[in-house]
Structure formats: structure tokens, C-alpha cells
Amino acid sequence: MKKILALSLLLLLAFSLSLYARGGQEEAEAENKVLRLITWSGYAPKQLIDKFTEETGIEVEVTLSNNEEMISKLRATRGGGFDLAQPSQDRISSVVEQYGIYQPIDYSKVDTDQLDPSLLNAVKKNTMVDGESYGVPHVYGTSGLIVNKAKAPDVKDYDDLLDPKYRGRVSYRLKRPTLIGMGFAFGYDPFELYNDPDAYQDFLDDIAEKLIEGKPVVRNYWTNGDQLLESMRSEEVWAAMAWEQAGWKLHAENPNIDYLAPESGALAWVDTFTIPAKSKNVEGAYKWINFILRPENAAVFTNAEKYGTASKDAVQYLDAETKANFERGLPPEVLAEIHWYPPVPPGLEEMEGKVLDRINAAN
């Protein structure tokens, strides 16, 4: 009797374990049919979501966010709650070191042949922690020059914005990109100085002196895009430091005005793909990455949002005007010379802020 009871208990236990395992498998399969994506507005167009679901059977749940919110949400769950995130590349390595909320990228699962090599290498370098990288490039934007070539044909680099012959016809923001861009134009590599505060301060002081000396050339320090656009349309300003989208918008109105990558290299930010530490659909995440970076799909985003994509062949699928803008302003040889923003060490932005205040207060 005892043997029969023991056998019955064993059979019941085995049956229960089977049901539990089956339930777990069914739950996992259900989870793998959903990709939970936290991203920026416009980065996951409905047209592409529907196409991805049709191809893979995976539904995409999108949460719109920004860098600060992504970090906050993933910190609260220790890397859970989402399968794929899209932080900027300079917001990854320090977050990995402090909170461990992302997992290393398995590049063997990424179709890297689709990607611009210089951009991929920059993101690998700037997201590396303990020999492993944590990001795949997706979207980028640049800061360079907008020039009225009929009025200021000799403006080729940031330091030309200090040329006295353009007195009262120049505009730029009094922000950290101006300090860094001027640094490159005057022969510095500010990013190489990031980890040497004393050398970085010397660089800042030198650039501050040059910007203070060049203040008579400046018409205004623009603070919003509309202000800049109007001053260039009216030809009150002939040359400015600004983003490519503003330059291309003005070019459509006046062919004499266009975006120009400086000879010393444009500055650029990159938004990436990262996989949270507790992603429940890692395979789905890699499928989405490869799908979005497929040239014809990447072009859908760029045609709509006008931002560049890491997909190197997407230009072949852009609409005529957008394609012409990228071919003219940001061809591969220009991308190869771009300075991609790396993570900013603690304390540097405070140093920069004090220097910018000094420039602003100077007569």
C-alpha cells in the first residue's frame, strides 16, 4: 500500500512539474511574441512596426521617453521592464558602470554590413566597459556651419566665425558645442583632454580669450531655432554654427544658403540600440535592430524625420530632396571625419559653464 501511495505521489509530482514546465514554456512563447521598446518620438514609425509584425509575428509595444527617463525606469527595475532601449551613446558606459542596467551587445547577431563603419566603430569605442561594448548606432545628428555662400564664401571652419571681415554678420550659441567646435578648429582635440582637468581648463581658457576677442564679429548669440532662421533669411546673419536640418530648410528657400561640415570636422551625437539587462526577448531585440537598419526601412525614418541613419545604404531609398541634402552635406568622406561626442566625465560641464559665463559677461 505504501509503495502504491509513493508511486502515486511520484506520478502526481511528475504531472505537476510537466504542467508547470508547459505553462512556463507557453508564458515564454507569449513573451517572445512581444517586443517592449523604450525609445524617442518618431524612432519607431507605425508603418515599420506593422511591417515588422507581419514579417516576424512579434508585436511591438512602444514607450516614448528620453535619456533621463530611460535611465530612471531601468534603474528602478534593475534593467527590467523593457526588451530594447535607445539611449544616446554618451549616456551608456557610465550608466553600465554605476547601475549595470544593460547587457553587452553580441555583434555576431547584428548585421554590421548594413552599418557605416566609422559610426559603428565610434559607438563601440564610446560604449565600451571592461572590454565589452553596449551599443549599436541608429540615428545621428550633426552640428556644423550654415553659410550664405553669396555673402560669406570664405567661411570654411568654425574659427572663420571670428574673422573681422564678417563683423556683425555671425551668430552662434554660447553653449558647450561652440567651445568644442572652436577647439578642433584651433588644433585641439577636446575629447582627448576629457580625462585631464588641468589641460582641459587650459584649453577652455584659450578658447575663451579667442571668443571674447571675437565678440565684435558676433551679431547675436542665438537661443532658439526660429531666431536663427529669421536672421539668416533676412541676411542679417551670413554665417552661423547650427544643425544640418536648419541649414537644409534654409537651402530649400534660398540656394545660396546651405549646411557645411567644417574642415576640422562636424560634431555629432548618436542615439543607439541597447539591450536591458533583464530583457525577456533578446532575440526579438536583435531582429528589430537588423530590421530597422535595413536600408529601405531606415530610409522611411530619415525621409520623415530628416535625421541621419547608421544604415550606410539607406541613401539609395531617400526621396530626392532628402537624398540630395545628405549627398551634398554629409557624404561618407565627411562622416569619416566627424567628431562623435563621447561620455562627459563628471565636473567638465561645470567648468565649461563658468567659462561660458565669463565670455558672456565680457565687454
Protein backbone atom coordinates (compact mmCIF):
# COMPACT_ATOMS: atom_id res chain seq x y z
CA MET A 1 0.00 0.00 0.00
CA LYS A 2 2.82 2.33 0.90
CA LYS A 3 4.53 1.52 -2.40
CA ILE A 4 1.34 2.30 -4.32
CA LEU A 5 0.91 5.59 -2.42
CA ALA A 6 4.53 6.58 -3.03
CA LEU A 7 4.22 5.74 -6.73
CA SER A 8 1.01 7.78 -6.95
CA LEU A 9 2.70 10.73 -5.31
CA LEU A 10 5.62 10.48 -7.72
CA LEU A 11 3.27 10.35 -10.70
CA LEU A 12 1.33 13.34 -9.35
CA LEU A 13 4.56 15.26 -8.82
CA ALA A 14 5.78 14.45 -12.33
CA PHE A 15 2.43 15.52 -13.79
CA SER A 16 2.53 18.78 -11.82
CA LEU A 17 6.08 19.50 -12.95
CA SER A 18 5.06 18.81 -16.53
CA LEU A 19 2.16 21.25 -16.28
CA TYR A 20 4.44 23.85 -14.66
CA ALA A 21 7.08 23.45 -17.35
CA ARG A 22 4.46 23.63 -20.09
CA GLY A 23 2.97 26.74 -18.50
CA GLY A 24 6.42 28.34 -18.29
CA GLN A 25 7.12 27.47 -21.90
CA GLU A 26 3.77 28.90 -23.01
CA GLU A 27 4.45 32.06 -20.99
CA ALA A 28 7.92 32.41 -22.54
CA GLU A 29 6.49 31.89 -26.03
CA ALA A 30 3.88 34.57 -25.34
CA GLU A 31 6.57 36.97 -24.14
CA ASN A 32 8.68 36.29 -27.21
CA LYS A 33 5.79 37.45 -29.39
CA VAL A 34 6.05 40.92 -27.84
CA LEU A 35 8.96 43.37 -28.02
CA ARG A 36 8.84 46.10 -25.37
CA LEU A 37 10.69 49.10 -26.82
CA ILE A 38 11.51 52.33 -24.96
CA THR A 39 12.56 55.00 -27.45
CA TRP A 40 12.31 58.57 -28.69
CA SER A 41 9.36 60.08 -30.54
CA GLY A 42 9.47 59.25 -34.25
CA TYR A 43 12.03 56.45 -33.94
CA ALA A 44 9.51 53.62 -34.37
CA PRO A 45 7.06 54.63 -37.15
CA LYS A 46 3.79 52.71 -37.22
CA GLN A 47 4.44 51.80 -40.85
CA LEU A 48 7.59 49.93 -39.80
CA ILE A 49 6.03 48.39 -36.70
CA ASP A 50 3.26 46.88 -38.83
CA LYS A 51 5.77 45.61 -41.37
CA PHE A 52 7.95 44.05 -38.65
CA THR A 53 4.97 42.31 -37.05
CA GLU A 54 3.89 40.93 -40.42
CA GLU A 55 7.39 39.58 -41.06
CA THR A 56 8.14 38.13 -37.60
CA GLY A 57 4.85 37.71 -35.76
CA ILE A 58 6.26 39.89 -32.95
CA GLU A 59 4.10 42.73 -31.64
CA VAL A 60 5.96 45.93 -30.68
CA GLU A 61 4.90 47.87 -27.59
CA VAL A 62 6.41 51.38 -27.70
CA THR A 63 7.04 53.64 -24.71
CA LEU A 64 8.18 57.14 -25.67
CA SER A 65 10.91 58.54 -23.49
CA ASN A 66 14.21 60.44 -23.27
CA ASN A 67 17.64 59.77 -21.81
CA GLU A 68 16.81 60.71 -18.25
CA GLU A 69 13.56 58.73 -18.15
CA MET A 70 15.13 55.65 -19.74
CA ILE A 71 17.82 55.57 -17.07
CA SER A 72 15.30 56.17 -14.29
CA LYS A 73 12.86 53.48 -15.43
CA LEU A 74 15.59 50.87 -15.98
CA ARG A 75 17.29 51.69 -12.68
CA ALA A 76 14.00 51.16 -10.85
CA THR A 77 13.72 47.64 -12.29
CA ARG A 78 17.47 46.89 -12.38
CA GLY A 79 17.31 46.52 -16.13
CA GLY A 80 13.85 45.00 -16.42
CA GLY A 81 10.53 46.05 -17.92
CA PHE A 82 11.81 46.55 -21.48
CA ASP A 83 13.49 44.42 -24.14
CA LEU A 84 15.20 47.20 -26.08
CA ALA A 85 16.13 50.81 -25.30
CA GLN A 86 17.54 53.73 -27.29
CA PRO A 87 19.76 55.99 -25.16
CA SER A 88 22.35 58.37 -26.60
CA GLN A 89 25.83 56.86 -26.82
CA ASP A 90 27.27 59.25 -24.21
CA ARG A 91 24.69 58.01 -21.67
CA ILE A 92 25.68 54.34 -21.68
CA SER A 93 29.13 53.48 -20.30
CA SER A 94 28.80 55.44 -17.05
CA VAL A 95 25.32 54.00 -16.52
CA VAL A 96 26.63 50.47 -17.05
CA GLU A 97 29.44 51.08 -14.56
CA GLN A 98 27.11 52.52 -11.93
CA TYR A 99 23.92 50.51 -12.33
CA GLY A 100 24.52 47.54 -14.65
CA ILE A 101 21.18 48.03 -16.40
CA TYR A 102 22.34 46.98 -19.90
CA GLN A 103 23.91 43.79 -21.25
CA PRO A 104 26.84 43.64 -23.71
CA ILE A 105 25.96 43.56 -27.41
CA ASP A 106 26.57 40.30 -29.25
CA TYR A 107 27.70 41.80 -32.56
CA SER A 108 27.57 38.37 -34.21
CA LYS A 109 23.79 38.82 -34.09
CA VAL A 110 23.94 42.29 -35.66
CA ASP A 111 24.07 42.66 -39.43
CA THR A 112 27.05 45.02 -39.25
CA ASP A 113 27.47 45.01 -43.03
CA GLN A 114 24.47 47.34 -43.11
CA LEU A 115 26.20 49.94 -40.93
CA ASP A 116 28.51 52.85 -41.63
CA PRO A 117 31.90 51.54 -40.37
CA SER A 118 33.13 54.81 -38.84
CA LEU A 119 29.90 55.24 -36.91
CA LEU A 120 29.87 51.64 -35.71
CA ASN A 121 33.48 51.86 -34.53
CA ALA A 122 32.81 55.14 -32.72
CA VAL A 123 29.83 53.69 -30.84
CA LYS A 124 31.74 50.52 -29.94
CA LYS A 125 34.56 52.65 -28.54
CA ASN A 126 32.37 55.10 -26.66
CA THR A 127 30.14 52.43 -25.08
CA MET A 128 32.94 50.09 -24.00
CA VAL A 129 33.16 48.89 -20.40
CA ASP A 130 35.70 46.27 -19.33
CA GLY A 131 36.40 45.27 -22.91
CA GLU A 132 32.78 44.86 -23.98
CA SER A 133 30.60 47.31 -25.90
CA TYR A 134 26.97 48.04 -25.18
CA GLY A 135 25.55 49.94 -28.15
CA VAL A 136 24.56 49.68 -31.82
CA PRO A 137 24.25 53.02 -33.69
CA HIS A 138 20.87 54.02 -35.06
CA VAL A 139 20.32 57.77 -35.50
CA TYR A 140 22.71 60.73 -35.63
CA GLY A 141 22.65 64.49 -35.97
CA THR A 142 25.45 66.97 -36.54
CA SER A 143 26.47 70.48 -35.64
CA GLY A 144 28.41 72.43 -38.25
CA LEU A 145 28.07 75.66 -40.21
CA ILE A 146 25.21 77.33 -42.05
CA VAL A 147 26.67 79.71 -44.61
CA ASN A 148 25.27 82.21 -47.10
CA LYS A 149 27.84 81.49 -49.80
CA ALA A 150 26.96 84.65 -51.72
CA LYS A 151 27.83 86.79 -48.69
CA ALA A 152 30.49 84.76 -46.86
CA PRO A 153 32.19 82.48 -49.42
CA ASP A 154 35.38 82.09 -47.38
CA VAL A 155 33.74 80.59 -44.28
CA LYS A 156 35.01 77.01 -44.16
CA ASP A 157 35.57 76.29 -40.46
CA TYR A 158 34.39 77.34 -37.01
CA ASP A 159 37.26 79.79 -36.49
CA ASP A 160 36.12 81.72 -39.59
CA LEU A 161 33.20 82.88 -37.45
CA LEU A 162 35.76 85.10 -35.68
CA ASP A 163 37.08 86.74 -38.86
CA PRO A 164 36.78 90.57 -38.54
CA LYS A 165 35.69 90.91 -42.17
CA TYR A 166 32.35 89.37 -41.15
CA ARG A 167 31.84 91.88 -38.33
CA GLY A 168 28.22 91.90 -37.20
CA ARG A 169 27.24 89.07 -39.57
CA VAL A 170 27.91 85.99 -37.45
CA SER A 171 25.81 84.04 -34.95
CA TYR A 172 26.33 81.00 -32.74
CA ARG A 173 25.04 79.66 -29.46
CA LEU A 174 27.01 80.35 -26.29
CA LYS A 175 26.97 76.66 -25.37
CA ARG A 176 29.49 73.85 -24.95
CA PRO A 177 29.40 72.73 -28.64
CA THR A 178 30.80 76.15 -29.59
CA LEU A 179 33.73 75.70 -27.18
CA ILE A 180 34.44 72.21 -28.51
CA GLY A 181 33.99 73.09 -32.18
CA MET A 182 36.30 76.10 -31.85
CA GLY A 183 38.78 73.86 -30.06
CA PHE A 184 39.00 71.48 -33.02
CA ALA A 185 39.32 74.42 -35.42
CA PHE A 186 42.25 75.80 -33.42
CA GLY A 187 44.10 72.49 -33.36
CA TYR A 188 42.95 70.99 -30.07
CA ASP A 189 41.29 67.62 -29.57
CA PRO A 190 38.99 68.47 -26.66
CA PHE A 191 37.76 64.90 -26.30
CA GLU A 192 41.33 63.66 -25.75
CA LEU A 193 41.61 66.19 -22.90
CA TYR A 194 38.47 64.99 -21.11
CA ASN A 195 40.42 62.98 -18.53
CA ASP A 196 42.96 65.72 -17.78
CA PRO A 197 41.06 68.52 -15.97
CA ASP A 198 44.05 70.87 -15.84
CA ALA A 199 44.75 70.55 -19.56
CA TYR A 200 41.04 70.90 -20.29
CA GLN A 201 40.89 74.10 -18.27
CA ASP A 202 43.88 75.49 -20.19
CA PHE A 203 42.08 74.68 -23.43
CA LEU A 204 38.90 76.38 -22.20
CA ASP A 205 40.78 79.48 -21.12
CA ASP A 206 42.48 79.78 -24.52
CA ILE A 207 39.21 79.41 -26.43
CA ALA A 208 37.53 81.88 -24.07
CA GLU A 209 40.14 84.52 -24.89
CA LYS A 210 39.59 83.97 -28.62
CA LEU A 211 35.80 84.18 -28.30
CA ILE A 212 36.00 87.32 -26.16
CA GLU A 213 38.35 88.94 -28.68
CA GLY A 214 35.94 87.95 -31.46
CA LYS A 215 32.78 89.31 -29.83
CA PRO A 216 32.59 92.37 -32.16
CA VAL A 217 32.14 89.97 -35.08
CA VAL A 218 29.03 88.42 -33.49
CA ARG A 219 25.61 89.76 -34.42
CA ASN A 220 23.92 87.74 -31.68
CA TYR A 221 24.16 84.53 -29.68
CA TRP A 222 21.12 82.72 -30.99
CA THR A 223 18.99 80.90 -28.42
CA ASN A 224 16.26 79.26 -30.49
CA GLY A 225 15.97 77.88 -33.99
CA ASP A 226 13.33 80.32 -35.22
CA GLN A 227 15.53 83.26 -34.26
CA LEU A 228 18.42 81.82 -36.26
CA LEU A 229 16.27 81.02 -39.30
CA GLU A 230 14.82 84.53 -39.44
CA SER A 231 18.20 86.23 -39.10
CA MET A 232 19.61 84.13 -41.97
CA ARG A 233 16.54 84.61 -44.17
CA SER A 234 16.80 88.40 -43.79
CA GLU A 235 20.58 88.23 -44.45
CA GLU A 236 21.14 89.96 -41.14
CA VAL A 237 23.42 86.99 -40.43
CA TRP A 238 25.67 85.46 -43.10
CA ALA A 239 27.26 82.57 -41.22
CA ALA A 240 26.33 80.60 -38.12
CA MET A 241 27.06 77.45 -36.18
CA ALA A 242 23.99 75.22 -36.18
CA TRP A 243 22.45 71.87 -37.15
CA GLU A 244 22.06 70.39 -40.61
CA GLN A 245 18.23 70.39 -40.51
CA ALA A 246 18.17 74.19 -40.16
CA GLY A 247 20.67 74.59 -43.00
CA TRP A 248 18.72 72.32 -45.32
CA LYS A 249 15.47 74.10 -44.54
CA LEU A 250 17.05 77.43 -45.49
CA HIS A 251 18.63 75.89 -48.61
CA ALA A 252 15.18 74.90 -49.88
CA GLU A 253 14.20 78.58 -49.64
CA ASN A 254 17.46 80.14 -50.81
CA PRO A 255 20.05 78.02 -52.71
CA ASN A 256 22.82 80.42 -51.60
CA ILE A 257 22.39 79.23 -48.00
CA ASP A 258 23.43 75.72 -47.06
CA TYR A 259 24.77 73.47 -44.33
CA LEU A 260 28.55 72.98 -44.43
CA ALA A 261 30.61 70.47 -42.47
CA PRO A 262 33.63 72.40 -41.11
CA GLU A 263 37.08 71.48 -42.38
CA SER A 264 38.11 70.46 -38.85
CA GLY A 265 35.12 68.09 -38.65
CA ALA A 266 31.50 68.43 -37.64
CA LEU A 267 30.35 67.50 -34.14
CA ALA A 268 27.75 64.76 -33.82
CA TRP A 269 25.52 62.93 -31.35
CA VAL A 270 24.33 59.36 -31.79
CA ASP A 271 21.27 57.58 -30.44
CA THR A 272 21.76 53.84 -30.15
CA PHE A 273 20.15 50.50 -29.52
CA THR A 274 20.92 48.90 -26.15
CA ILE A 275 19.52 45.73 -24.61
CA PRO A 276 18.42 45.97 -20.96
CA ALA A 277 19.98 43.51 -18.54
CA LYS A 278 16.68 41.71 -17.89
CA SER A 279 15.29 41.75 -21.42
CA LYS A 280 12.82 38.88 -21.89
CA ASN A 281 13.03 38.95 -25.68
CA VAL A 282 16.68 39.32 -26.60
CA GLU A 283 16.25 37.55 -29.93
CA GLY A 284 13.36 39.83 -30.81
CA ALA A 285 15.52 42.82 -29.92
CA TYR A 286 18.21 41.77 -32.40
CA LYS A 287 15.55 41.12 -35.04
CA TRP A 288 14.22 44.67 -34.57
CA ILE A 289 17.72 46.19 -34.74
CA ASN A 290 18.51 44.42 -38.00
CA PHE A 291 15.07 45.19 -39.41
CA ILE A 292 15.20 48.92 -38.63
CA LEU A 293 18.72 49.24 -40.05
CA ARG A 294 17.78 47.53 -43.29
CA PRO A 295 18.36 50.32 -45.86
CA GLU A 296 14.82 50.58 -47.21
CA ASN A 297 13.41 50.66 -43.68
CA ALA A 298 15.98 53.14 -42.36
CA ALA A 299 15.07 55.45 -45.23
CA VAL A 300 11.44 55.56 -44.07
CA PHE A 301 12.62 57.14 -40.81
CA THR A 302 15.06 59.57 -42.42
CA ASN A 303 12.56 60.75 -45.05
CA ALA A 304 10.12 61.58 -42.26
CA GLU A 305 12.43 62.96 -39.55
CA LYS A 306 15.42 64.24 -41.63
CA TYR A 307 17.96 62.78 -39.20
CA GLY A 308 20.81 60.64 -40.43
CA THR A 309 20.80 56.89 -40.04
CA ALA A 310 23.64 54.46 -39.37
CA SER A 311 22.37 52.35 -42.28
CA LYS A 312 25.01 53.13 -44.89
CA ASP A 313 22.94 52.28 -47.98
CA ALA A 314 19.71 53.99 -46.88
CA VAL A 315 20.62 56.99 -49.03
CA GLN A 316 19.61 54.93 -52.09
CA TYR A 317 16.00 54.90 -50.84
CA LEU A 318 15.64 58.53 -49.76
CA ASP A 319 13.32 60.95 -51.52
CA ALA A 320 15.07 63.23 -53.99
CA GLU A 321 15.41 66.34 -51.80
CA THR A 322 16.49 64.48 -48.68
CA LYS A 323 18.97 62.38 -50.66
CA ALA A 324 20.47 65.49 -52.23
CA ASN A 325 20.89 67.08 -48.79
CA PHE A 326 22.81 64.11 -47.39
CA GLU A 327 24.91 63.60 -50.51
CA ARG A 328 25.82 67.28 -50.52
CA GLY A 329 26.30 67.90 -46.81
CA LEU A 330 27.11 64.57 -45.17
CA PRO A 331 28.67 62.18 -47.71
CA PRO A 332 30.75 59.21 -46.45
CA GLU A 333 34.03 61.14 -46.54
CA VAL A 334 32.53 63.79 -44.24
CA LEU A 335 31.12 61.17 -41.87
CA ALA A 336 34.58 59.66 -41.62
CA GLU A 337 35.91 62.96 -40.22
CA ILE A 338 33.11 63.63 -37.76
CA HIS A 339 33.84 64.04 -34.04
CA TRP A 340 31.29 61.87 -32.21
CA TYR A 341 30.51 63.08 -28.69
CA PRO A 342 31.94 60.67 -26.09
CA PRO A 343 30.67 60.41 -22.48
CA VAL A 344 31.36 63.57 -20.46
CA PRO A 345 33.34 62.97 -17.24
CA PRO A 346 31.89 64.47 -14.03
CA GLY A 347 32.81 68.10 -13.43
CA LEU A 348 33.59 69.14 -17.01
CA GLU A 349 30.24 70.75 -17.75
CA GLU A 350 30.59 72.86 -14.59
CA MET A 351 34.00 74.05 -15.82
CA GLU A 352 32.53 74.88 -19.21
CA GLY A 353 29.61 76.73 -17.64
CA LYS A 354 31.93 79.08 -15.74
CA VAL A 355 33.90 79.83 -18.91
CA LEU A 356 30.72 80.50 -20.90
CA ASP A 357 29.52 82.89 -18.18
CA ARG A 358 32.86 84.71 -18.37
CA ILE A 359 32.57 85.07 -22.14
CA ASN A 360 29.00 86.32 -21.90
CA ALA A 361 29.92 88.92 -19.26
CA ALA A 362 32.98 90.23 -21.10
CA ASN A 363 32.76 93.57 -22.92
